[in-house]
Amino acid sequence: MQGKQRLQELVAKVKNGDQEAVIELVNRFVPLVKKYGHRMGYDEATADLTAWIVHAVHRYEPNTMWGRNELNKFFSRKNDAED
């Protein structure tokens, strides 16, 4: 049986279109997503955080300053679309 893949390997596979890697990546973050989704206090928070993870992985650029404020940008766009 193969051991748990490193996050960096999973991200590379997701960026290359591996759907099984997307599922594994999302499953790896389920505990955190549930925790912070609950803290956000609205029904779709867990789904929104999961969508953000998938979106963020596709946009991720290693060895850069990428990632700063990404979650805030995602929710700002989401809120703008709802208005």
N, C-alpha and C. Protein backbone atom coordinates (compact mmCIF):
# COMPACT_ATOMS: atom_id res chain seq x y z
N MET A 1 0.83 -1.18 0.00
CA MET A 1 0.00 0.00 0.00
C MET A 1 0.88 1.25 0.00
N GLN A 2 0.50 2.22 -0.83
CA GLN A 2 1.27 3.44 -0.94
C GLN A 2 0.95 4.36 0.23
N GLY A 3 1.97 5.02 0.77
CA GLY A 3 1.78 5.95 1.88
C GLY A 3 1.12 7.23 1.43
N LYS A 4 0.86 8.08 2.39
CA LYS A 4 0.23 9.37 2.13
C LYS A 4 1.17 10.24 1.29
N GLN A 5 0.63 10.79 0.22
CA GLN A 5 1.43 11.65 -0.65
C GLN A 5 1.70 12.98 0.02
N ARG A 6 2.83 13.55 -0.30
CA ARG A 6 3.15 14.88 0.19
C ARG A 6 2.21 15.88 -0.47
N LEU A 7 1.91 16.93 0.25
CA LEU A 7 1.00 17.95 -0.26
C LEU A 7 1.51 18.53 -1.58
N GLN A 8 2.78 18.75 -1.66
CA GLN A 8 3.38 19.29 -2.88
C GLN A 8 3.12 18.38 -4.08
N GLU A 9 3.22 17.08 -3.88
CA GLU A 9 2.95 16.11 -4.95
C GLU A 9 1.48 16.16 -5.36
N LEU A 10 0.59 16.23 -4.37
CA LEU A 10 -0.84 16.31 -4.66
C LEU A 10 -1.17 17.57 -5.46
N VAL A 11 -0.61 18.68 -5.05
CA VAL A 11 -0.88 19.94 -5.75
C VAL A 11 -0.43 19.83 -7.21
N ALA A 12 0.73 19.27 -7.44
CA ALA A 12 1.22 19.11 -8.81
C ALA A 12 0.26 18.24 -9.63
N LYS A 13 -0.23 17.17 -9.04
CA LYS A 13 -1.17 16.29 -9.74
C LYS A 13 -2.49 17.00 -10.03
N VAL A 14 -2.97 17.77 -9.06
CA VAL A 14 -4.22 18.52 -9.27
C VAL A 14 -4.03 19.50 -10.41
N LYS A 15 -2.93 20.23 -10.42
CA LYS A 15 -2.67 21.20 -11.47
C LYS A 15 -2.55 20.54 -12.84
N ASN A 16 -2.20 19.26 -12.86
CA ASN A 16 -2.11 18.52 -14.11
C ASN A 16 -3.40 17.80 -14.48
N GLY A 17 -4.47 18.07 -13.72
CA GLY A 17 -5.78 17.54 -14.08
C GLY A 17 -6.16 16.20 -13.48
N ASP A 18 -5.42 15.71 -12.51
CA ASP A 18 -5.72 14.42 -11.88
C ASP A 18 -6.90 14.57 -10.91
N GLN A 19 -8.06 14.05 -11.29
CA GLN A 19 -9.27 14.19 -10.48
C GLN A 19 -9.19 13.41 -9.16
N GLU A 20 -8.51 12.29 -9.16
CA GLU A 20 -8.33 11.54 -7.91
C GLU A 20 -7.50 12.35 -6.91
N ALA A 21 -6.54 13.10 -7.41
CA ALA A 21 -5.72 13.95 -6.55
C ALA A 21 -6.58 15.08 -5.96
N VAL A 22 -7.52 15.61 -6.73
CA VAL A 22 -8.43 16.64 -6.22
C VAL A 22 -9.21 16.09 -5.04
N ILE A 23 -9.76 14.90 -5.21
CA ILE A 23 -10.54 14.28 -4.14
C ILE A 23 -9.68 14.05 -2.91
N GLU A 24 -8.47 13.53 -3.10
CA GLU A 24 -7.57 13.28 -1.96
C GLU A 24 -7.20 14.59 -1.26
N LEU A 25 -6.93 15.62 -2.04
CA LEU A 25 -6.58 16.91 -1.46
C LEU A 25 -7.73 17.48 -0.64
N VAL A 26 -8.92 17.46 -1.20
CA VAL A 26 -10.09 17.97 -0.48
C VAL A 26 -10.31 17.16 0.80
N ASN A 27 -10.23 15.84 0.69
CA ASN A 27 -10.42 14.99 1.87
C ASN A 27 -9.40 15.28 2.96
N ARG A 28 -8.20 15.62 2.56
CA ARG A 28 -7.16 15.92 3.54
C ARG A 28 -7.51 17.17 4.35
N PHE A 29 -8.22 18.10 3.74
CA PHE A 29 -8.54 19.35 4.41
C PHE A 29 -9.93 19.37 5.04
N VAL A 30 -10.68 18.28 4.97
CA VAL A 30 -12.03 18.24 5.52
C VAL A 30 -12.10 18.69 6.98
N PRO A 31 -11.24 18.21 7.87
CA PRO A 31 -11.35 18.66 9.27
C PRO A 31 -11.21 20.18 9.43
N LEU A 32 -10.25 20.77 8.74
CA LEU A 32 -10.08 22.22 8.83
C LEU A 32 -11.25 22.97 8.19
N VAL A 33 -11.71 22.47 7.07
CA VAL A 33 -12.83 23.11 6.37
C VAL A 33 -14.07 23.10 7.26
N LYS A 34 -14.34 21.97 7.88
CA LYS A 34 -15.50 21.90 8.78
C LYS A 34 -15.34 22.85 9.96
N LYS A 35 -14.15 22.88 10.54
CA LYS A 35 -13.89 23.73 11.69
C LYS A 35 -14.12 25.20 11.35
N TYR A 36 -13.49 25.66 10.28
CA TYR A 36 -13.60 27.07 9.93
C TYR A 36 -14.93 27.39 9.27
N GLY A 37 -15.52 26.44 8.57
CA GLY A 37 -16.84 26.64 8.01
C GLY A 37 -17.87 26.89 9.10
N HIS A 38 -17.76 26.12 10.16
CA HIS A 38 -18.67 26.30 11.29
C HIS A 38 -18.47 27.68 11.93
N ARG A 39 -17.23 28.10 12.06
CA ARG A 39 -16.93 29.40 12.66
C ARG A 39 -17.44 30.56 11.82
N MET A 40 -17.52 30.35 10.51
CA MET A 40 -17.96 31.44 9.63
C MET A 40 -19.45 31.71 9.79
N GLY A 41 -20.20 30.72 10.25
CA GLY A 41 -21.56 30.94 10.67
C GLY A 41 -22.62 31.05 9.59
N TYR A 42 -22.39 30.52 8.42
CA TYR A 42 -23.47 30.47 7.43
C TYR A 42 -23.46 29.11 6.76
N ASP A 43 -24.61 28.71 6.24
CA ASP A 43 -24.83 27.34 5.78
C ASP A 43 -23.87 26.88 4.69
N GLU A 44 -23.52 27.72 3.76
CA GLU A 44 -22.70 27.31 2.62
C GLU A 44 -21.20 27.50 2.85
N ALA A 45 -20.81 27.85 4.05
CA ALA A 45 -19.39 28.14 4.32
C ALA A 45 -18.49 26.96 4.00
N THR A 46 -18.90 25.76 4.38
CA THR A 46 -18.07 24.58 4.13
C THR A 46 -17.90 24.36 2.63
N ALA A 47 -18.97 24.48 1.88
CA ALA A 47 -18.89 24.32 0.43
C ALA A 47 -18.04 25.42 -0.19
N ASP A 48 -18.19 26.65 0.30
CA ASP A 48 -17.39 27.75 -0.23
C ASP A 48 -15.90 27.55 0.05
N LEU A 49 -15.56 27.11 1.24
CA LEU A 49 -14.16 26.85 1.57
C LEU A 49 -13.58 25.72 0.72
N THR A 50 -14.36 24.69 0.50
CA THR A 50 -13.91 23.58 -0.35
C THR A 50 -13.67 24.07 -1.77
N ALA A 51 -14.59 24.86 -2.29
CA ALA A 51 -14.43 25.42 -3.64
C ALA A 51 -13.18 26.30 -3.70
N TRP A 52 -12.96 27.07 -2.64
CA TRP A 52 -11.78 27.93 -2.61
C TRP A 52 -10.50 27.10 -2.66
N ILE A 53 -10.45 26.01 -1.93
CA ILE A 53 -9.25 25.16 -1.94
C ILE A 53 -8.95 24.68 -3.35
N VAL A 54 -9.97 24.16 -4.02
CA VAL A 54 -9.76 23.65 -5.38
C VAL A 54 -9.33 24.79 -6.31
N HIS A 55 -10.00 25.91 -6.21
CA HIS A 55 -9.66 27.07 -7.04
C HIS A 55 -8.23 27.54 -6.75
N ALA A 56 -7.90 27.63 -5.48
CA ALA A 56 -6.58 28.12 -5.08
C ALA A 56 -5.47 27.20 -5.55
N VAL A 57 -5.68 25.91 -5.50
CA VAL A 57 -4.65 24.96 -5.93
C VAL A 57 -4.36 25.15 -7.42
N HIS A 58 -5.40 25.36 -8.21
CA HIS A 58 -5.20 25.55 -9.65
C HIS A 58 -4.44 26.85 -9.94
N ARG A 59 -4.57 27.83 -9.08
CA ARG A 59 -3.90 29.12 -9.28
C ARG A 59 -2.54 29.19 -8.59
N TYR A 60 -2.24 28.25 -7.74
CA TYR A 60 -1.02 28.26 -6.94
C TYR A 60 0.23 28.32 -7.81
N GLU A 61 1.15 29.18 -7.42
CA GLU A 61 2.45 29.29 -8.08
C GLU A 61 3.53 29.08 -7.04
N PRO A 62 4.24 27.95 -7.11
CA PRO A 62 5.28 27.68 -6.11
C PRO A 62 6.42 28.70 -6.20
N ASN A 63 7.09 28.86 -5.09
CA ASN A 63 8.26 29.74 -4.98
C ASN A 63 7.95 31.20 -5.29
N THR A 64 6.73 31.61 -4.95
CA THR A 64 6.34 33.01 -5.12
C THR A 64 5.68 33.48 -3.82
N MET A 65 5.25 34.70 -3.80
CA MET A 65 4.52 35.23 -2.65
C MET A 65 3.03 34.96 -2.79
N TRP A 66 2.66 34.11 -3.74
CA TRP A 66 1.26 33.78 -3.98
C TRP A 66 0.62 33.30 -2.69
N GLY A 67 -0.63 33.62 -2.54
CA GLY A 67 -1.37 33.11 -1.40
C GLY A 67 -1.76 34.17 -0.40
N ARG A 68 -1.03 35.23 -0.35
CA ARG A 68 -1.39 36.28 0.60
C ARG A 68 -2.73 36.87 0.19
N ASN A 69 -3.63 36.86 1.11
CA ASN A 69 -4.96 37.43 0.92
C ASN A 69 -5.83 36.70 -0.10
N GLU A 70 -5.44 35.52 -0.53
CA GLU A 70 -6.22 34.79 -1.54
C GLU A 70 -7.62 34.45 -1.05
N LEU A 71 -7.77 34.03 0.18
CA LEU A 71 -9.09 33.68 0.70
C LEU A 71 -9.98 34.92 0.76
N ASN A 72 -9.42 36.03 1.19
CA ASN A 72 -10.21 37.27 1.21
C ASN A 72 -10.64 37.68 -0.19
N LYS A 73 -9.77 37.54 -1.18
CA LYS A 73 -10.12 37.88 -2.56
C LYS A 73 -11.25 36.99 -3.05
N PHE A 74 -11.17 35.71 -2.74
CA PHE A 74 -12.20 34.76 -3.17
C PHE A 74 -13.56 35.16 -2.62
N PHE A 75 -13.63 35.43 -1.33
CA PHE A 75 -14.91 35.77 -0.73
C PHE A 75 -15.39 37.16 -1.16
N SER A 76 -14.49 38.08 -1.45
CA SER A 76 -14.89 39.39 -1.96
C SER A 76 -15.56 39.24 -3.32
N ARG A 77 -14.98 38.41 -4.20
CA ARG A 77 -15.58 38.18 -5.52
C ARG A 77 -16.93 37.50 -5.36
N LYS A 78 -17.03 36.54 -4.44
CA LYS A 78 -18.27 35.82 -4.22
C LYS A 78 -19.35 36.79 -3.73
N ASN A 79 -19.00 37.65 -2.79
CA ASN A 79 -19.96 38.62 -2.26
C ASN A 79 -20.37 39.62 -3.32
N ASP A 80 -19.44 40.05 -4.17
CA ASP A 80 -19.76 40.98 -5.24
C ASP A 80 -20.74 40.35 -6.23
N ALA A 81 -20.56 39.07 -6.51
CA ALA A 81 -21.44 38.37 -7.44
C ALA A 81 -22.85 38.22 -6.88
N GLU A 82 -22.95 38.13 -5.57
CA GLU A 82 -24.26 37.97 -4.94
C GLU A 82 -25.02 39.28 -4.84
N ASP A 83 -24.31 40.41 -4.89
CA ASP A 83 -24.97 41.72 -4.75
C ASP A 83 -25.68 42.14 -6.00
